[in-house]
Each structure stands twice: as C-alpha cells, then as structure tokens.
Amino acid sequence: MLFSVTAVAVLAATLFGSTYTNSQVVGTTLAASSNDSMSQKIHDMGGLKLVMPQAFAAVDCDNIEEGRNVVSFDLYARSADLPILGGKTYQAMTFSGQVPGPTLRVTQGDVVMMTLTIPEDEPTPHGNDMHASQMHSGPFGKVMPGESRTYCYVAEVPGTFKYHCSGVDIAAMDQHVLSGMYGMTIVDPIKGYKPLVVDKTAVNEDGNIVIDRQRHSADALEFQLQYAQLYLNDEGGYDQGKMFRHETTYTVVNGMSFGYVPNAAHNELILGDAKKNIFVVQPWNSPDLAQYQSQLLFVEAGQHVRIFIENQANEPVFWHIVGEIIDRVTQGNVVQAKGTETYEIGGSQGAIMDVVFDEPGVYAAVNHDYAAIFTGAASIFVAGDPFGLNEQLGTNAQSYAELLGNPSDAIPPSGKNTIEHPKVNLHGLYTDERADELKSELGL
C-alpha cells in the first residue's frame, strides 16, 4: 500500500480537521497516530482550504443581481434515534429532523439562499455542501452549535443534485452523511421538461407490423427516491470499519429499508385478512408505527410518471423496474438513454426516469444488486386497479392514490410540469416533532 492505515488517518485528520463525534471515536474509527513528520508536511501545505482551487465565487447574498428569483432554503441539524428493521433504532443525524433532508426545488437561474442552523444542544458541528452550486468550498465549512451560516449561489445547471454534510473542517463527514445527513436539490430546466415519446408496435390495416409512436405531455406524476446504505454496530452506532469493508447493514430508500411495500391495511383490502401478507417482506405493518408504517406508490396505468433518483452513498444503484422498461433517462438536461432495462447511477449522482406503466399491475423498482434488494432496496408501484378494488368499494378511481394517497416522503415539491397527487398520506423517516410539523403543512 502507498500509505499505511495510520498515515491515511493522519492525512484525513489534518486536511479535514478533527471533529469526530464520540460514537465514531469509540471502537470503530481508524486511530490517528503521532506521525508528526507527515502531519507537519500536510499542515505546511495549508490543508484543504488552501489546496482546493477557488474557480467560482459565491453570490453575494447582499448584492443579488436584479431580476433573479431568490429561493430561501433553511435547514437545521438534529441528531436523533430513528427506527430501523427489527424494532431497533440507530443513531441518526438529520437535516431538519428527517432522513433524507427536505428536497429543494428551484428553476434554472434561480438564486438559492441556503441557511444552516445548528442548535446549541447539538453535540457536533455540521456543514452543507450543495452539489447544485458552482462555488469555492469555503461556505461549506463547519457551523458550530449555537450558530448559523448563510450562503447564496445561482442554480445554473438543471437536473438532480445531492446536498450533504460537508467535509470542509469536518473529519467525520462519512459518519454524518451515512448516518442520514443528505438530501436532494431538483433544478427544473428553465423551459420546462420535454414531452415523452415512446415507440410501440401495432399491426396496420394491411396486416404489417409498424411503429406506433405514442406521445405524452411533459406533465407527469412525480416521485423521488434516494438510495443509501447504513453501516451499523450492534448498538446502532456508525461503524466506519464496516464502511471501509463495504459491509452494508441495510440498504435504504428515502431513509428506510422496505419502506414502500404493503401494510396490514392493504392486506385487509386485497386478501380480506390484515395478518396475511401480500408481499414476502412487510416489516412496517402496524398503524401503531404512525409515520413509519410502510406505504405503496400508486400511479394510473398509461400515465406519464417522472421519478427523480439520487444515489446518496457508496454503492452503485442499478435502477430497474421489474416488468417495465425505462422509457427515458435524463441527466442534467441531456437524454442519456431511451428504452433501457436498467440504468446505473454511481455514488453522488442522480438521474430523472420517465416511465409509462402500460398495464394495470404491481411493479417493483429495485437496485438490481441482489444484496441491495435483500437488504431493503425494493419499492412497489401499483398501476391502475389490478385488484378490482373499484368494484369492491363502489368507486371509479384511476389509481389507488385517489383512495389511499401516496407517501409524503416520496413526493417532491411541485415544479414545472408537475401533475399534483390526488391525495397524500404521512410517511417517512421523520422525528415525531418533524412529523407534527408536516401534518400541519399538509393539512393531515
């Protein structure tokens, strides 16, 4: 190896500062040493702040160009114990009491005014690195407990972008991010999204098979899915050693493993028995779990669906829908693929998936890494009325969303070309305090 494990630890501590929290220091952290020679050399180089180029300047929040729309994005940091599979909890770190953090949605050309506040009782500093920005790293640095920091930037490039607890001055960035301090920014193209064209086949009047080109409006029903891993010890603390060895404890989608699978109410509706599971894995069945009870994702058959994907952690996401083909993949404002079965999304990368579910049915969206599927990365879409519930209930709904609602954490803020969800239910890895706030905001 080029550097010893000890040398790497010293390098990290010198470049990024030394703000490991207690849960990381004990038992699972690479131990720093007294390698004074290497430490001094790195110190003499100036550390991260002087080494990194400052190619772009932040926007002066007090001197924003006239005509720019300004979107304020206020976050606070909060450590909290949140549930995982098996009735246990883990030591989470959150933006604004939820994992992932709130989604920011703006239009290309908007100015984002980001403010991060660290409560006085938070045990560690945090920062916020927003990948939608093009600016030097200085504003991403640590914010101490009891303090706030604001910075501004122009969202120039459309697409989906990660934001996360920054590594500037924060040596424990890996712990903070992989414990839940991540979120997504959606930057809509200034001219809106493009209509979706899907090629099918048909038999014409002469008996020949021909291309049947179907056009869908740019307007779409929208979802957001953010993928990550948890690396935990038996006490629910972050285990850096497992992270280095890629030993995933759970794979999570929007913070939860198997968060979008049937629950007891679905069992009752479809099978007539709340205790008879529709799906092989239903770990979040009970309504007593409140915001943590699993929910399904409902769409209309034949409807244009737009899904914003972000890979927030270490492992690749091989995004696939069992029983469907992805009609279009966009990154930035550039179409990357059409009619593809699976699309790979690397760490700290996103994509926009356009899909039309052609027939009523049940479809599983998965990370087509089998280890990821079995540790939590399976999310169920139900298109149309495959179970005949309209007849059973005497209704005429185009999707079960009209009857049961879609989960709040899977619905991004509205933007250009958004079709509003007919009904929303409270669901997500939220603290109870945050859940109460969202109930009020959503009118639930």
Protein backbone atom coordinates (compact mmCIF):
# COMPACT_ATOMS: atom_id res chain seq x y z
CA MET A 1 0.00 0.00 0.00
CA LEU A 2 1.16 3.53 -0.72
CA PHE A 3 0.16 4.76 2.73
CA SER A 4 -0.39 2.84 5.91
CA VAL A 5 -3.81 2.91 7.58
CA THR A 6 -2.33 5.14 10.25
CA ALA A 7 -0.97 7.55 7.65
CA VAL A 8 -4.37 7.78 5.96
CA ALA A 9 -5.97 8.62 9.30
CA VAL A 10 -3.43 11.36 9.92
CA LEU A 11 -3.97 12.72 6.42
CA ALA A 12 -7.75 12.87 6.95
CA ALA A 13 -7.45 14.47 10.37
CA THR A 14 -5.05 17.13 9.10
CA LEU A 15 -6.89 18.02 5.91
CA PHE A 16 -10.40 17.96 7.27
CA GLY A 17 -9.93 18.99 10.89
CA SER A 18 -10.79 16.84 13.89
CA THR A 19 -14.46 16.83 14.72
CA TYR A 20 -15.26 13.13 15.07
CA THR A 21 -18.19 12.58 17.38
CA ASN A 22 -17.90 10.27 20.36
CA SER A 23 -19.88 7.45 18.76
CA GLN A 24 -17.34 7.25 15.96
CA VAL A 25 -14.23 7.59 18.09
CA VAL A 26 -15.04 4.58 20.24
CA GLY A 27 -14.29 1.22 18.72
CA THR A 28 -14.81 1.77 15.00
CA THR A 29 -12.54 4.60 13.90
CA LEU A 30 -9.11 4.40 12.34
CA ALA A 31 -6.81 5.54 15.09
CA ALA A 32 -4.71 8.61 14.35
CA SER A 33 -1.08 8.46 15.37
CA SER A 34 1.67 10.84 16.31
CA ASN A 35 3.22 10.78 12.86
CA ASP A 36 4.43 14.33 13.36
CA SER A 37 6.53 14.46 10.21
CA MET A 38 3.64 13.70 7.84
CA SER A 39 1.25 15.84 9.86
CA GLN A 40 3.62 18.80 9.73
CA LYS A 41 4.14 18.45 5.98
CA ILE A 42 0.40 18.50 5.33
CA HIS A 43 -0.01 21.40 7.73
CA ASP A 44 2.68 23.30 5.88
CA MET A 45 0.81 22.73 2.60
CA GLY A 46 -2.09 24.67 4.06
CA GLY A 47 -4.64 21.86 4.36
CA LEU A 48 -7.82 21.55 2.36
CA LYS A 49 -8.79 25.21 2.31
CA LEU A 50 -5.62 26.41 0.59
CA VAL A 51 -5.12 23.39 -1.66
CA MET A 52 -8.57 23.43 -3.25
CA PRO A 53 -8.92 25.84 -6.19
CA GLN A 54 -11.45 28.65 -5.94
CA ALA A 55 -12.61 28.54 -9.54
CA PHE A 56 -16.03 30.08 -8.89
CA ALA A 57 -17.17 32.72 -6.46
CA ALA A 58 -20.26 32.53 -4.31
CA VAL A 59 -23.04 35.03 -4.99
CA ASP A 60 -23.04 37.93 -2.55
CA CYS A 61 -26.30 37.48 -0.66
CA ASP A 62 -26.49 41.24 -0.09
CA ASN A 63 -25.94 42.12 -3.74
CA ILE A 64 -28.04 39.72 -5.82
CA GLU A 65 -28.48 40.62 -9.48
CA GLU A 66 -31.80 42.34 -10.13
CA GLY A 67 -34.30 40.09 -11.86
CA ARG A 68 -33.10 36.86 -10.22
CA ASN A 69 -35.71 34.87 -8.30
CA VAL A 70 -34.39 34.11 -4.80
CA VAL A 71 -35.40 30.86 -3.07
CA SER A 72 -34.62 30.61 0.65
CA PHE A 73 -33.70 27.15 1.92
CA ASP A 74 -33.46 26.96 5.71
CA LEU A 75 -32.19 23.81 7.40
CA TYR A 76 -31.29 22.87 10.94
CA ALA A 77 -29.17 19.96 12.14
CA ARG A 78 -30.55 17.46 14.63
CA SER A 79 -29.18 14.16 15.92
CA ALA A 80 -31.90 11.66 16.84
CA ASP A 81 -32.52 7.97 17.37
CA LEU A 82 -34.64 6.72 14.46
CA PRO A 83 -36.08 3.25 13.74
CA ILE A 84 -34.54 0.51 11.65
CA LEU A 85 -35.71 -3.02 10.87
CA GLY A 86 -36.35 -5.37 13.76
CA GLY A 87 -37.77 -2.82 16.15
CA LYS A 88 -34.39 -1.27 16.92
CA THR A 89 -33.11 2.27 16.44
CA TYR A 90 -29.92 3.78 15.09
CA GLN A 91 -28.02 6.95 15.90
CA ALA A 92 -29.15 9.14 13.03
CA MET A 93 -28.02 12.62 12.04
CA THR A 94 -30.65 14.65 10.21
CA PHE A 95 -31.29 17.84 8.33
CA SER A 96 -34.43 19.35 9.86
CA GLY A 97 -35.48 16.20 11.68
CA GLN A 98 -35.79 13.89 8.69
CA VAL A 99 -33.82 11.45 6.51
CA PRO A 100 -33.34 12.40 3.72
CA GLY A 101 -33.42 16.12 4.40
CA PRO A 102 -36.12 18.29 2.79
CA THR A 103 -35.96 18.41 -1.00
CA LEU A 104 -35.17 21.80 -2.51
CA ARG A 105 -36.77 22.51 -5.88
CA VAL A 106 -35.90 25.55 -7.97
CA THR A 107 -35.84 26.64 -11.60
CA GLN A 108 -32.63 27.00 -13.57
CA GLY A 109 -31.34 30.55 -12.99
CA ASP A 110 -32.82 30.94 -9.50
CA VAL A 111 -30.61 32.10 -6.64
CA VAL A 112 -30.56 29.67 -3.70
CA MET A 113 -30.10 31.32 -0.30
CA MET A 114 -29.10 28.42 1.95
CA THR A 115 -29.05 28.86 5.74
CA LEU A 116 -27.87 26.12 8.08
CA THR A 117 -28.53 26.49 11.81
CA ILE A 118 -27.00 24.27 14.47
CA PRO A 119 -28.98 24.23 17.74
CA GLU A 120 -26.99 24.85 20.90
CA ASP A 121 -27.68 21.35 22.23
CA GLU A 122 -26.42 19.58 19.07
CA PRO A 123 -23.27 17.66 20.10
CA THR A 124 -21.20 18.32 16.97
CA PRO A 125 -20.75 20.94 14.22
CA HIS A 126 -22.16 20.33 10.74
CA GLY A 127 -21.88 21.88 7.28
CA ASN A 128 -23.74 21.75 3.98
CA ASP A 129 -22.14 21.08 0.62
CA MET A 130 -24.70 21.62 -2.16
CA HIS A 131 -23.74 19.91 -5.43
CA ALA A 132 -26.11 22.13 -7.41
CA SER A 133 -23.72 25.04 -6.80
CA GLN A 134 -20.57 26.09 -8.61
CA MET A 135 -18.54 27.92 -6.00
CA HIS A 136 -15.45 27.55 -3.86
CA SER A 137 -15.66 25.34 -0.81
CA GLY A 138 -15.28 27.98 1.88
CA PRO A 139 -19.01 28.47 2.66
CA PHE A 140 -19.40 24.69 3.10
CA GLY A 141 -17.26 24.72 6.27
CA LYS A 142 -18.40 23.72 9.72
CA VAL A 143 -21.08 25.62 11.58
CA MET A 144 -20.70 25.34 15.35
CA PRO A 145 -23.54 24.56 17.79
CA GLY A 146 -25.50 27.71 18.54
CA GLU A 147 -24.52 29.34 15.23
CA SER A 148 -25.93 29.79 11.70
CA ARG A 149 -24.37 30.34 8.30
CA THR A 150 -25.93 31.60 5.07
CA TYR A 151 -24.55 31.47 1.54
CA CYS A 152 -26.00 32.06 -1.92
CA TYR A 153 -25.47 30.62 -5.39
CA VAL A 154 -27.13 30.54 -8.79
CA ALA A 155 -28.59 27.16 -9.77
CA GLU A 156 -27.23 27.19 -13.33
CA VAL A 157 -27.50 23.54 -14.37
CA PRO A 158 -30.78 21.57 -14.49
CA GLY A 159 -31.05 18.09 -13.05
CA THR A 160 -30.94 16.35 -9.67
CA PHE A 161 -28.13 17.11 -7.24
CA LYS A 162 -27.02 15.85 -3.86
CA TYR A 163 -26.51 18.01 -0.81
CA HIS A 164 -24.84 16.66 2.31
CA CYS A 165 -22.93 17.45 5.48
CA SER A 166 -19.67 18.89 4.22
CA GLY A 167 -16.15 17.55 4.62
CA VAL A 168 -14.64 21.02 4.97
CA ASP A 169 -13.37 21.13 8.58
CA ILE A 170 -15.42 18.03 9.43
CA ALA A 171 -13.29 14.89 9.56
CA ALA A 172 -16.35 12.75 10.28
CA MET A 173 -18.12 13.61 7.01
CA ASP A 174 -18.55 9.90 6.28
CA GLN A 175 -20.29 9.37 9.62
CA HIS A 176 -22.55 12.39 9.21
CA VAL A 177 -23.59 11.59 5.63
CA LEU A 178 -24.01 7.85 6.11
CA SER A 179 -26.00 8.48 9.28
CA GLY A 180 -28.57 10.46 7.30
CA MET A 181 -27.29 13.98 6.58
CA TYR A 182 -28.10 14.09 2.88
CA GLY A 183 -30.82 15.44 0.64
CA MET A 184 -31.67 16.34 -2.95
CA THR A 185 -31.96 19.51 -4.99
CA ILE A 186 -34.08 19.42 -8.14
CA VAL A 187 -33.28 22.15 -10.66
CA ASP A 188 -36.01 22.32 -13.29
CA PRO A 189 -34.98 23.36 -16.84
CA ILE A 190 -35.89 26.99 -17.45
CA LYS A 191 -38.10 25.96 -20.39
CA GLY A 192 -39.62 23.01 -18.57
CA TYR A 193 -39.39 19.32 -19.33
CA LYS A 194 -39.71 17.74 -22.75
CA PRO A 195 -42.70 15.71 -23.93
CA LEU A 196 -42.16 11.96 -23.76
CA VAL A 197 -42.19 9.93 -26.98
CA VAL A 198 -42.46 6.15 -26.64
CA ASP A 199 -42.23 3.77 -29.57
CA LYS A 200 -44.58 0.79 -29.52
CA THR A 201 -45.63 -1.52 -32.33
CA ALA A 202 -49.00 -2.11 -33.97
CA VAL A 203 -50.48 -4.14 -36.80
CA ASN A 204 -51.78 -1.86 -39.56
CA GLU A 205 -54.76 -2.45 -41.81
CA ASP A 206 -52.54 -4.29 -44.28
CA GLY A 207 -51.52 -6.80 -41.62
CA ASN A 208 -47.98 -5.43 -41.30
CA ILE A 209 -46.24 -4.68 -38.01
CA VAL A 210 -45.35 -0.99 -37.82
CA ILE A 211 -44.01 1.51 -35.29
CA ASP A 212 -46.77 3.05 -33.18
CA ARG A 213 -45.26 6.29 -31.85
CA GLN A 214 -47.06 7.42 -28.69
CA ARG A 215 -46.61 10.97 -27.42
CA HIS A 216 -47.13 12.00 -23.81
CA SER A 217 -47.29 15.54 -22.48
CA ALA A 218 -44.33 16.85 -20.48
CA ASP A 219 -46.69 16.96 -17.49
CA ALA A 220 -46.09 13.97 -15.21
CA LEU A 221 -46.94 12.48 -11.82
CA GLU A 222 -43.67 12.77 -9.90
CA PHE A 223 -41.82 10.74 -7.25
CA GLN A 224 -38.44 10.99 -5.56
CA LEU A 225 -36.31 8.01 -4.49
CA GLN A 226 -32.97 8.46 -2.72
CA TYR A 227 -30.71 5.44 -2.15
CA ALA A 228 -28.11 4.94 0.59
CA GLN A 229 -26.56 2.36 2.90
CA LEU A 230 -26.34 2.05 6.68
CA TYR A 231 -23.18 0.69 8.32
CA LEU A 232 -24.06 -0.02 11.94
CA ASN A 233 -22.64 -1.73 15.01
CA ASP A 234 -24.80 -3.74 17.41
CA GLU A 235 -25.69 -0.61 19.38
CA GLY A 236 -26.93 1.26 16.31
CA GLY A 237 -23.86 3.47 16.02
CA TYR A 238 -21.96 4.18 12.83
CA ASP A 239 -19.28 1.59 12.10
CA GLN A 240 -16.55 3.07 9.93
CA GLY A 241 -14.77 -0.27 9.68
CA LYS A 242 -17.83 -1.82 8.04
CA MET A 243 -17.98 1.12 5.64
CA PHE A 244 -14.36 0.59 4.56
CA ARG A 245 -15.10 -3.11 4.01
CA HIS A 246 -18.39 -2.35 2.20
CA GLU A 247 -20.30 -4.45 4.73
CA THR A 248 -23.78 -2.99 4.39
CA THR A 249 -26.12 -3.42 7.34
CA TYR A 250 -29.16 -2.16 5.43
CA THR A 251 -29.89 -0.55 2.09
CA VAL A 252 -32.36 2.29 2.46
CA VAL A 253 -34.66 4.14 0.07
CA ASN A 254 -35.62 7.57 1.39
CA GLY A 255 -34.06 6.51 4.69
CA MET A 256 -35.98 3.23 5.20
CA SER A 257 -35.46 -0.39 4.21
CA PHE A 258 -38.60 -1.83 2.58
CA GLY A 259 -40.46 1.41 3.26
CA TYR A 260 -42.65 1.13 0.14
CA VAL A 261 -44.23 -2.31 0.49
CA PRO A 262 -47.76 -3.33 1.57
CA ASN A 263 -49.00 -2.90 5.13
CA ALA A 264 -51.78 -4.51 7.16
CA ALA A 265 -54.46 -2.24 5.66
CA HIS A 266 -53.51 -3.36 2.16
CA ASN A 267 -53.60 -7.00 3.30
CA GLU A 268 -57.13 -6.46 4.60
CA LEU A 269 -58.34 -4.71 1.43
CA ILE A 270 -56.88 -7.19 -1.02
CA LEU A 271 -56.87 -10.51 0.86
CA GLY A 272 -59.52 -9.82 3.49
CA ASP A 273 -57.05 -10.62 6.27
CA ALA A 274 -54.78 -7.99 7.83
CA LYS A 275 -52.39 -10.67 9.10
CA LYS A 276 -51.96 -12.45 5.77
CA ASN A 277 -49.12 -10.69 3.96
CA ILE A 278 -49.40 -9.86 0.27
CA PHE A 279 -45.66 -9.37 -0.02
CA VAL A 280 -42.95 -11.64 1.35
CA VAL A 281 -41.34 -8.84 3.39
CA GLN A 282 -43.68 -6.49 5.30
CA PRO A 283 -41.67 -5.19 8.26
CA TRP A 284 -43.59 -1.95 8.85
CA ASN A 285 -47.16 -3.29 9.01
CA SER A 286 -48.79 -1.77 12.06
CA PRO A 287 -50.65 1.56 12.09
CA ASP A 288 -49.17 1.99 15.58
CA LEU A 289 -45.92 2.82 13.78
CA ALA A 290 -47.52 6.09 12.63
CA GLN A 291 -45.27 7.83 10.07
CA TYR A 292 -43.06 4.74 9.80
CA GLN A 293 -45.79 2.34 8.59
CA SER A 294 -44.90 1.23 5.06
CA GLN A 295 -46.86 2.62 2.12
CA LEU A 296 -47.22 1.79 -1.57
CA LEU A 297 -46.63 4.02 -4.60
CA PHE A 298 -49.74 4.42 -6.77
CA VAL A 299 -50.00 5.56 -10.40
CA GLU A 300 -52.51 5.36 -13.21
CA ALA A 301 -51.98 2.82 -15.96
CA GLY A 302 -50.80 4.62 -19.11
CA GLN A 303 -49.80 7.73 -17.14
CA HIS A 304 -46.54 9.64 -17.66
CA VAL A 305 -44.54 9.18 -14.44
CA ARG A 306 -41.34 11.12 -13.68
CA ILE A 307 -39.04 9.75 -10.96
CA PHE A 308 -36.15 11.78 -9.55
CA ILE A 309 -33.38 9.45 -8.39
CA GLU A 310 -30.33 10.31 -6.29
CA ASN A 311 -27.62 7.91 -5.13
CA GLN A 312 -26.56 9.36 -1.79
CA ALA A 313 -23.99 6.84 -0.60
CA ASN A 314 -21.26 4.40 -1.63
CA GLU A 315 -22.65 1.56 -3.71
CA PRO A 316 -23.83 1.83 -7.33
CA VAL A 317 -27.56 1.82 -7.97
CA PHE A 318 -28.57 -0.40 -10.90
CA TRP A 319 -32.05 1.04 -11.24
CA HIS A 320 -34.63 -1.30 -12.71
CA ILE A 321 -38.41 -1.82 -12.66
CA VAL A 322 -39.48 -5.45 -12.67
CA GLY A 323 -41.97 -5.83 -15.52
CA GLU A 324 -41.31 -2.46 -17.17
CA ILE A 325 -38.76 -0.74 -19.39
CA ILE A 326 -37.46 2.75 -18.57
CA ASP A 327 -38.74 4.91 -21.40
CA ARG A 328 -36.23 7.76 -20.96
CA VAL A 329 -33.26 8.60 -18.74
CA THR A 330 -32.15 12.23 -18.39
CA GLN A 331 -29.18 13.66 -16.53
CA GLY A 332 -28.83 17.42 -16.43
CA ASN A 333 -30.98 18.34 -19.43
CA VAL A 334 -29.47 15.69 -21.70
CA VAL A 335 -31.20 12.43 -22.62
CA GLN A 336 -28.79 9.60 -21.80
CA ALA A 337 -30.90 6.57 -22.74
CA LYS A 338 -34.24 5.52 -24.15
CA GLY A 339 -35.97 2.17 -23.82
CA THR A 340 -33.44 0.71 -21.41
CA GLU A 341 -33.98 -2.14 -18.95
CA THR A 342 -31.58 -0.93 -16.22
CA TYR A 343 -29.60 2.26 -15.68
CA GLU A 344 -26.51 2.52 -13.47
CA ILE A 345 -26.19 5.52 -11.15
CA GLY A 346 -22.91 5.93 -9.32
CA GLY A 347 -22.37 7.39 -5.88
CA SER A 348 -23.19 11.10 -5.67
CA GLN A 349 -25.05 11.03 -8.96
CA GLY A 350 -28.68 11.33 -9.95
CA ALA A 351 -30.99 10.79 -12.90
CA ILE A 352 -34.55 11.51 -13.98
CA MET A 353 -36.52 8.46 -15.08
CA ASP A 354 -39.59 8.79 -17.31
CA VAL A 355 -41.82 5.72 -17.28
CA VAL A 356 -45.27 4.83 -18.56
CA PHE A 357 -46.72 1.77 -16.83
CA ASP A 358 -48.60 0.28 -19.77
CA GLU A 359 -50.86 -2.16 -17.97
CA PRO A 360 -52.53 -2.32 -14.56
CA GLY A 361 -50.33 -4.33 -12.22
CA VAL A 362 -47.75 -4.48 -9.48
CA TYR A 363 -44.18 -3.42 -10.30
CA ALA A 364 -41.10 -3.48 -8.06
CA ALA A 365 -38.49 -0.73 -8.53
CA VAL A 366 -35.18 -2.18 -7.34
CA ASN A 367 -31.49 -1.62 -7.16
CA HIS A 368 -30.62 -4.68 -9.26
CA ASP A 369 -27.79 -5.63 -6.96
CA TYR A 370 -29.17 -8.69 -5.19
CA ALA A 371 -27.53 -7.76 -1.90
CA ALA A 372 -29.25 -4.37 -2.12
CA ILE A 373 -32.63 -5.93 -2.89
CA PHE A 374 -32.45 -8.30 0.08
CA THR A 375 -31.32 -5.55 2.46
CA GLY A 376 -34.09 -3.12 1.62
CA ALA A 377 -33.98 -1.65 -1.92
CA ALA A 378 -37.34 -2.89 -3.21
CA SER A 379 -40.15 -0.35 -3.69
CA ILE A 380 -43.58 -1.32 -5.00
CA PHE A 381 -45.54 0.66 -7.61
CA VAL A 382 -49.17 -0.29 -8.21
CA ALA A 383 -50.60 0.88 -11.53
CA GLY A 384 -54.33 1.22 -12.12
CA ASP A 385 -56.75 -1.16 -10.40
CA PRO A 386 -55.17 -4.63 -10.67
CA PHE A 387 -57.08 -5.98 -7.63
CA GLY A 388 -60.57 -4.86 -8.64
CA LEU A 389 -60.99 -2.58 -5.64
CA ASN A 390 -63.21 -0.16 -7.56
CA GLU A 391 -65.86 -2.83 -7.88
CA GLN A 392 -65.40 -3.89 -4.27
CA LEU A 393 -65.63 -0.34 -2.92
CA GLY A 394 -68.11 1.07 -5.45
CA THR A 395 -65.62 3.67 -6.69
CA ASN A 396 -64.20 4.70 -10.07
CA ALA A 397 -60.62 5.67 -9.23
CA GLN A 398 -57.95 5.70 -11.95
CA SER A 399 -55.37 4.76 -9.31
CA TYR A 400 -55.41 3.78 -5.66
CA ALA A 401 -53.77 7.12 -4.92
CA GLU A 402 -57.24 8.63 -5.11
CA LEU A 403 -58.41 6.25 -2.36
CA LEU A 404 -55.34 5.77 -0.15
CA GLY A 405 -52.90 8.52 -1.11
CA ASN A 406 -49.20 8.46 -1.89
CA PRO A 407 -46.50 8.70 0.81
CA SER A 408 -45.33 12.21 1.62
CA ASP A 409 -41.59 11.41 1.58
CA ALA A 410 -41.80 10.02 -1.96
CA ILE A 411 -43.43 13.17 -3.35
CA PRO A 412 -41.08 16.01 -4.36
CA PRO A 413 -42.13 19.66 -4.16
CA SER A 414 -44.14 20.77 -7.19
CA GLY A 415 -42.26 22.34 -10.08
CA LYS A 416 -42.53 22.72 -13.81
CA ASN A 417 -44.80 20.16 -15.50
CA THR A 418 -45.96 18.59 -12.21
CA ILE A 419 -49.24 16.67 -12.01
CA GLU A 420 -50.50 17.06 -8.45
CA HIS A 421 -51.06 13.89 -6.43
CA PRO A 422 -54.77 13.41 -5.68
CA LYS A 423 -54.12 12.50 -2.03
CA VAL A 424 -51.11 12.39 0.33
CA ASN A 425 -50.50 10.34 3.47
CA LEU A 426 -47.85 10.96 6.10
CA HIS A 427 -44.89 8.63 5.70
CA GLY A 428 -41.16 8.96 6.22
CA LEU A 429 -38.17 8.69 8.49
CA TYR A 430 -39.24 11.76 10.46
CA THR A 431 -38.76 12.55 14.12
CA ASP A 432 -42.10 12.91 15.90
CA GLU A 433 -41.53 16.67 16.07
CA ARG A 434 -40.97 16.84 12.31
CA ALA A 435 -43.97 14.59 11.66
CA ASP A 436 -46.20 17.01 13.59
CA GLU A 437 -44.86 19.92 11.51
CA LEU A 438 -45.60 18.09 8.26
CA LYS A 439 -49.09 17.11 9.38
CA SER A 440 -49.84 20.79 9.81
CA GLU A 441 -48.22 21.74 6.49
CA LEU A 442 -50.06 19.01 4.58
CA GLY A 443 -53.38 19.54 6.36
CA LEU A 444 -53.48 15.96 7.66
